Amino acid sequence: MAEKETYALITFKSTHAAMAAQKSMGDIKFKICPVLRMISASCGIALRIDIAEAEKAKNLLTANNIKEDMFDTYRIYYENDCPKFERI
């Protein structure tokens, strides 16, 4: 079985913050997806991005007036085909 991809997931405390974030991502490619239940039941909207873009994304969000306490960034990875996460 192929190894599953490691990626970053940005979650939000409110739908408003998630919508504002979508407009703030600049040239970073993202996919809108549901928040993994193992992480949170917050607003339910998350942005999936390349792990290499995580720091740049956080900087863009704060530069566009999205306060750091309104979002969290996680590294999603797999061990033995099971999803794991850590806050980054």
N, C-alpha and C. Protein backbone atom coordinates (compact mmCIF):
# COMPACT_ATOMS: atom_id res chain seq x y z
N MET A 1 0.85 -1.19 0.00
CA MET A 1 0.00 0.00 0.00
C MET A 1 0.89 1.25 0.00
N ALA A 2 0.51 2.25 -0.79
CA ALA A 2 1.29 3.48 -0.90
C ALA A 2 1.26 4.26 0.41
N GLU A 3 2.37 4.93 0.68
CA GLU A 3 2.45 5.75 1.89
C GLU A 3 1.53 6.96 1.75
N LYS A 4 0.80 7.29 2.80
CA LYS A 4 -0.11 8.43 2.75
C LYS A 4 0.67 9.72 2.96
N GLU A 5 0.17 10.75 2.35
CA GLU A 5 0.82 12.05 2.33
C GLU A 5 0.71 12.79 3.66
N THR A 6 1.79 13.44 4.06
CA THR A 6 1.78 14.36 5.20
C THR A 6 1.35 15.73 4.68
N TYR A 7 0.48 16.40 5.42
CA TYR A 7 0.02 17.71 5.00
C TYR A 7 -0.29 18.57 6.22
N ALA A 8 -0.57 19.85 5.98
CA ALA A 8 -0.96 20.75 7.06
C ALA A 8 -2.45 21.03 6.96
N LEU A 9 -3.07 21.19 8.11
CA LEU A 9 -4.50 21.49 8.19
C LEU A 9 -4.66 22.70 9.09
N ILE A 10 -5.33 23.72 8.58
CA ILE A 10 -5.59 24.93 9.37
C ILE A 10 -7.06 24.89 9.77
N THR A 11 -7.32 24.93 11.06
CA THR A 11 -8.69 24.93 11.58
C THR A 11 -9.00 26.32 12.14
N PHE A 12 -10.28 26.61 12.28
CA PHE A 12 -10.71 27.95 12.68
C PHE A 12 -11.71 27.90 13.81
N LYS A 13 -11.70 28.94 14.63
CA LYS A 13 -12.62 29.05 15.75
C LYS A 13 -14.01 29.51 15.31
N SER A 14 -14.09 30.12 14.13
CA SER A 14 -15.39 30.60 13.64
C SER A 14 -15.44 30.48 12.12
N THR A 15 -16.66 30.41 11.61
CA THR A 15 -16.86 30.37 10.17
C THR A 15 -16.37 31.67 9.53
N HIS A 16 -16.58 32.78 10.23
CA HIS A 16 -16.11 34.07 9.71
C HIS A 16 -14.59 34.06 9.49
N ALA A 17 -13.84 33.54 10.45
CA ALA A 17 -12.38 33.46 10.31
C ALA A 17 -11.99 32.54 9.15
N ALA A 18 -12.71 31.44 8.98
CA ALA A 18 -12.42 30.51 7.88
C ALA A 18 -12.65 31.18 6.52
N MET A 19 -13.73 31.94 6.42
CA MET A 19 -14.03 32.62 5.16
C MET A 19 -13.00 33.71 4.87
N ALA A 20 -12.61 34.45 5.91
CA ALA A 20 -11.59 35.49 5.73
C ALA A 20 -10.25 34.87 5.33
N ALA A 21 -9.94 33.71 5.89
CA ALA A 21 -8.68 33.04 5.59
C ALA A 21 -8.60 32.64 4.12
N GLN A 22 -9.70 32.21 3.56
CA GLN A 22 -9.71 31.80 2.16
C GLN A 22 -9.29 32.94 1.25
N LYS A 23 -9.65 34.15 1.62
CA LYS A 23 -9.30 35.33 0.83
C LYS A 23 -7.87 35.80 1.09
N SER A 24 -7.24 35.27 2.14
CA SER A 24 -5.93 35.74 2.57
C SER A 24 -4.77 34.84 2.18
N MET A 25 -5.04 33.76 1.49
CA MET A 25 -4.00 32.75 1.24
C MET A 25 -3.02 33.10 0.12
N GLY A 26 -3.26 34.19 -0.58
CA GLY A 26 -2.31 34.60 -1.61
C GLY A 26 -2.14 33.50 -2.65
N ASP A 27 -0.88 33.13 -2.94
CA ASP A 27 -0.60 32.12 -3.96
C ASP A 27 -0.53 30.70 -3.41
N ILE A 28 -0.89 30.51 -2.15
CA ILE A 28 -0.86 29.18 -1.54
C ILE A 28 -2.09 28.41 -2.01
N LYS A 29 -1.85 27.25 -2.58
CA LYS A 29 -2.95 26.39 -3.01
C LYS A 29 -3.53 25.68 -1.78
N PHE A 30 -4.85 25.63 -1.72
CA PHE A 30 -5.51 24.97 -0.59
C PHE A 30 -6.76 24.27 -1.04
N LYS A 31 -7.21 23.34 -0.22
CA LYS A 31 -8.49 22.67 -0.41
C LYS A 31 -9.32 22.92 0.83
N ILE A 32 -10.58 23.22 0.64
CA ILE A 32 -11.50 23.36 1.77
C ILE A 32 -11.97 21.95 2.12
N CYS A 33 -11.90 21.64 3.40
CA CYS A 33 -12.30 20.30 3.83
C CYS A 33 -12.87 20.37 5.25
N PRO A 34 -13.56 19.32 5.66
CA PRO A 34 -14.07 19.31 7.04
C PRO A 34 -12.92 19.10 8.03
N VAL A 35 -13.10 19.60 9.22
CA VAL A 35 -12.12 19.39 10.28
C VAL A 35 -12.17 17.93 10.69
N LEU A 36 -11.02 17.32 10.87
CA LEU A 36 -10.98 15.94 11.33
C LEU A 36 -11.54 15.89 12.74
N ARG A 37 -12.45 14.98 13.00
CA ARG A 37 -13.09 14.89 14.32
C ARG A 37 -12.08 14.63 15.43
N MET A 38 -10.96 13.98 15.10
CA MET A 38 -9.96 13.70 16.13
C MET A 38 -9.28 14.99 16.60
N ILE A 39 -9.41 16.08 15.83
CA ILE A 39 -8.78 17.34 16.19
C ILE A 39 -9.74 18.26 16.92
N SER A 40 -10.91 18.52 16.32
CA SER A 40 -11.80 19.53 16.87
C SER A 40 -13.20 19.41 16.29
N ALA A 41 -14.12 20.00 16.99
CA ALA A 41 -15.48 20.14 16.48
C ALA A 41 -15.80 21.62 16.36
N SER A 42 -14.78 22.44 16.14
CA SER A 42 -14.95 23.90 16.09
C SER A 42 -15.93 24.29 14.99
N CYS A 43 -15.58 25.17 14.11
CA CYS A 43 -16.54 25.63 13.11
C CYS A 43 -16.77 24.59 12.03
N GLY A 44 -15.90 23.61 11.92
CA GLY A 44 -16.09 22.54 10.96
C GLY A 44 -15.39 22.73 9.63
N ILE A 45 -14.89 23.92 9.35
CA ILE A 45 -14.21 24.20 8.08
C ILE A 45 -12.71 24.25 8.33
N ALA A 46 -11.97 23.59 7.45
CA ALA A 46 -10.51 23.61 7.53
C ALA A 46 -9.93 23.84 6.14
N LEU A 47 -8.70 24.30 6.11
CA LEU A 47 -7.96 24.44 4.85
C LEU A 47 -6.82 23.45 4.88
N ARG A 48 -6.75 22.63 3.85
CA ARG A 48 -5.65 21.66 3.71
C ARG A 48 -4.63 22.26 2.77
N ILE A 49 -3.37 22.31 3.22
CA ILE A 49 -2.29 22.88 2.41
C ILE A 49 -1.07 21.97 2.45
N ASP A 50 -0.14 22.24 1.56
CA ASP A 50 1.13 21.52 1.56
C ASP A 50 1.86 21.84 2.86
N ILE A 51 2.44 20.86 3.48
CA ILE A 51 3.13 21.05 4.76
C ILE A 51 4.25 22.10 4.64
N ALA A 52 4.87 22.19 3.48
CA ALA A 52 5.95 23.16 3.28
C ALA A 52 5.46 24.60 3.28
N GLU A 53 4.16 24.81 3.12
CA GLU A 53 3.58 26.15 3.08
C GLU A 53 3.00 26.58 4.42
N ALA A 54 3.09 25.76 5.45
CA ALA A 54 2.42 26.04 6.73
C ALA A 54 2.86 27.36 7.35
N GLU A 55 4.14 27.59 7.45
CA GLU A 55 4.63 28.82 8.08
C GLU A 55 4.23 30.05 7.26
N LYS A 56 4.35 29.96 5.96
CA LYS A 56 3.95 31.06 5.09
C LYS A 56 2.45 31.35 5.26
N ALA A 57 1.64 30.31 5.35
CA ALA A 57 0.20 30.49 5.52
C ALA A 57 -0.11 31.19 6.83
N LYS A 58 0.54 30.77 7.91
CA LYS A 58 0.30 31.42 9.20
C LYS A 58 0.67 32.90 9.13
N ASN A 59 1.77 33.22 8.48
CA ASN A 59 2.19 34.62 8.35
C ASN A 59 1.19 35.42 7.52
N LEU A 60 0.67 34.83 6.44
CA LEU A 60 -0.32 35.53 5.62
C LEU A 60 -1.60 35.79 6.41
N LEU A 61 -2.03 34.81 7.19
CA LEU A 61 -3.26 34.99 7.97
C LEU A 61 -3.12 36.13 8.97
N THR A 62 -2.03 36.14 9.71
CA THR A 62 -1.85 37.21 10.70
C THR A 62 -1.64 38.57 10.01
N ALA A 63 -0.97 38.58 8.85
CA ALA A 63 -0.77 39.83 8.11
C ALA A 63 -2.10 40.38 7.59
N ASN A 64 -3.08 39.51 7.43
CA ASN A 64 -4.40 39.91 6.95
C ASN A 64 -5.42 40.02 8.08
N ASN A 65 -4.91 40.34 9.27
CA ASN A 65 -5.73 40.64 10.45
C ASN A 65 -6.58 39.48 10.96
N ILE A 66 -6.13 38.26 10.75
CA ILE A 66 -6.78 37.11 11.36
C ILE A 66 -5.94 36.77 12.58
N LYS A 67 -6.49 37.01 13.74
CA LYS A 67 -5.73 36.86 14.97
C LYS A 67 -5.32 35.41 15.20
N GLU A 68 -4.12 35.26 15.77
CA GLU A 68 -3.56 33.93 16.01
C GLU A 68 -4.45 33.05 16.88
N ASP A 69 -5.27 33.66 17.74
CA ASP A 69 -6.14 32.84 18.59
C ASP A 69 -7.41 32.38 17.85
N MET A 70 -7.54 32.74 16.58
CA MET A 70 -8.71 32.34 15.78
C MET A 70 -8.44 31.14 14.88
N PHE A 71 -7.20 30.66 14.86
CA PHE A 71 -6.89 29.49 14.04
C PHE A 71 -5.79 28.67 14.68
N ASP A 72 -5.73 27.40 14.29
CA ASP A 72 -4.67 26.49 14.71
C ASP A 72 -4.17 25.75 13.47
N THR A 73 -2.90 25.42 13.49
CA THR A 73 -2.31 24.70 12.36
C THR A 73 -1.76 23.37 12.86
N TYR A 74 -2.06 22.33 12.11
CA TYR A 74 -1.66 20.97 12.49
C TYR A 74 -0.91 20.29 11.36
N ARG A 75 0.00 19.42 11.73
CA ARG A 75 0.65 18.52 10.77
C ARG A 75 -0.11 17.21 10.88
N ILE A 76 -0.63 16.73 9.75
CA ILE A 76 -1.34 15.46 9.71
C ILE A 76 -0.41 14.46 9.03
N TYR A 77 -0.20 13.34 9.69
CA TYR A 77 0.69 12.31 9.16
C TYR A 77 0.10 10.95 9.50
N TYR A 78 0.70 9.92 8.98
CA TYR A 78 0.16 8.57 9.17
C TYR A 78 1.21 7.64 9.75
N GLU A 79 0.78 6.82 10.69
CA GLU A 79 1.60 5.75 11.25
C GLU A 79 0.78 4.47 11.15
N ASN A 80 1.34 3.47 10.51
CA ASN A 80 0.64 2.21 10.32
C ASN A 80 -0.75 2.42 9.73
N ASP A 81 -0.82 3.33 8.75
CA ASP A 81 -2.05 3.64 8.04
C ASP A 81 -3.12 4.33 8.90
N CYS A 82 -2.74 4.77 10.09
CA CYS A 82 -3.67 5.49 10.97
C CYS A 82 -3.28 6.96 11.02
N PRO A 83 -4.26 7.88 10.87
CA PRO A 83 -3.94 9.31 10.90
C PRO A 83 -3.55 9.75 12.31
N LYS A 84 -2.53 10.59 12.38
CA LYS A 84 -2.05 11.18 13.61
C LYS A 84 -1.93 12.69 13.36
N PHE A 85 -1.84 13.46 14.42
CA PHE A 85 -1.68 14.90 14.24
C PHE A 85 -0.85 15.49 15.37
N GLU A 86 -0.25 16.64 15.04
CA GLU A 86 0.45 17.44 16.05
C GLU A 86 0.27 18.90 15.68
N ARG A 87 0.12 19.73 16.68
CA ARG A 87 -0.02 21.17 16.44
C ARG A 87 1.34 21.74 16.06
N ILE A 88 1.33 22.61 15.07
CA ILE A 88 2.60 23.24 14.64
C ILE A 88 2.46 24.75 14.65
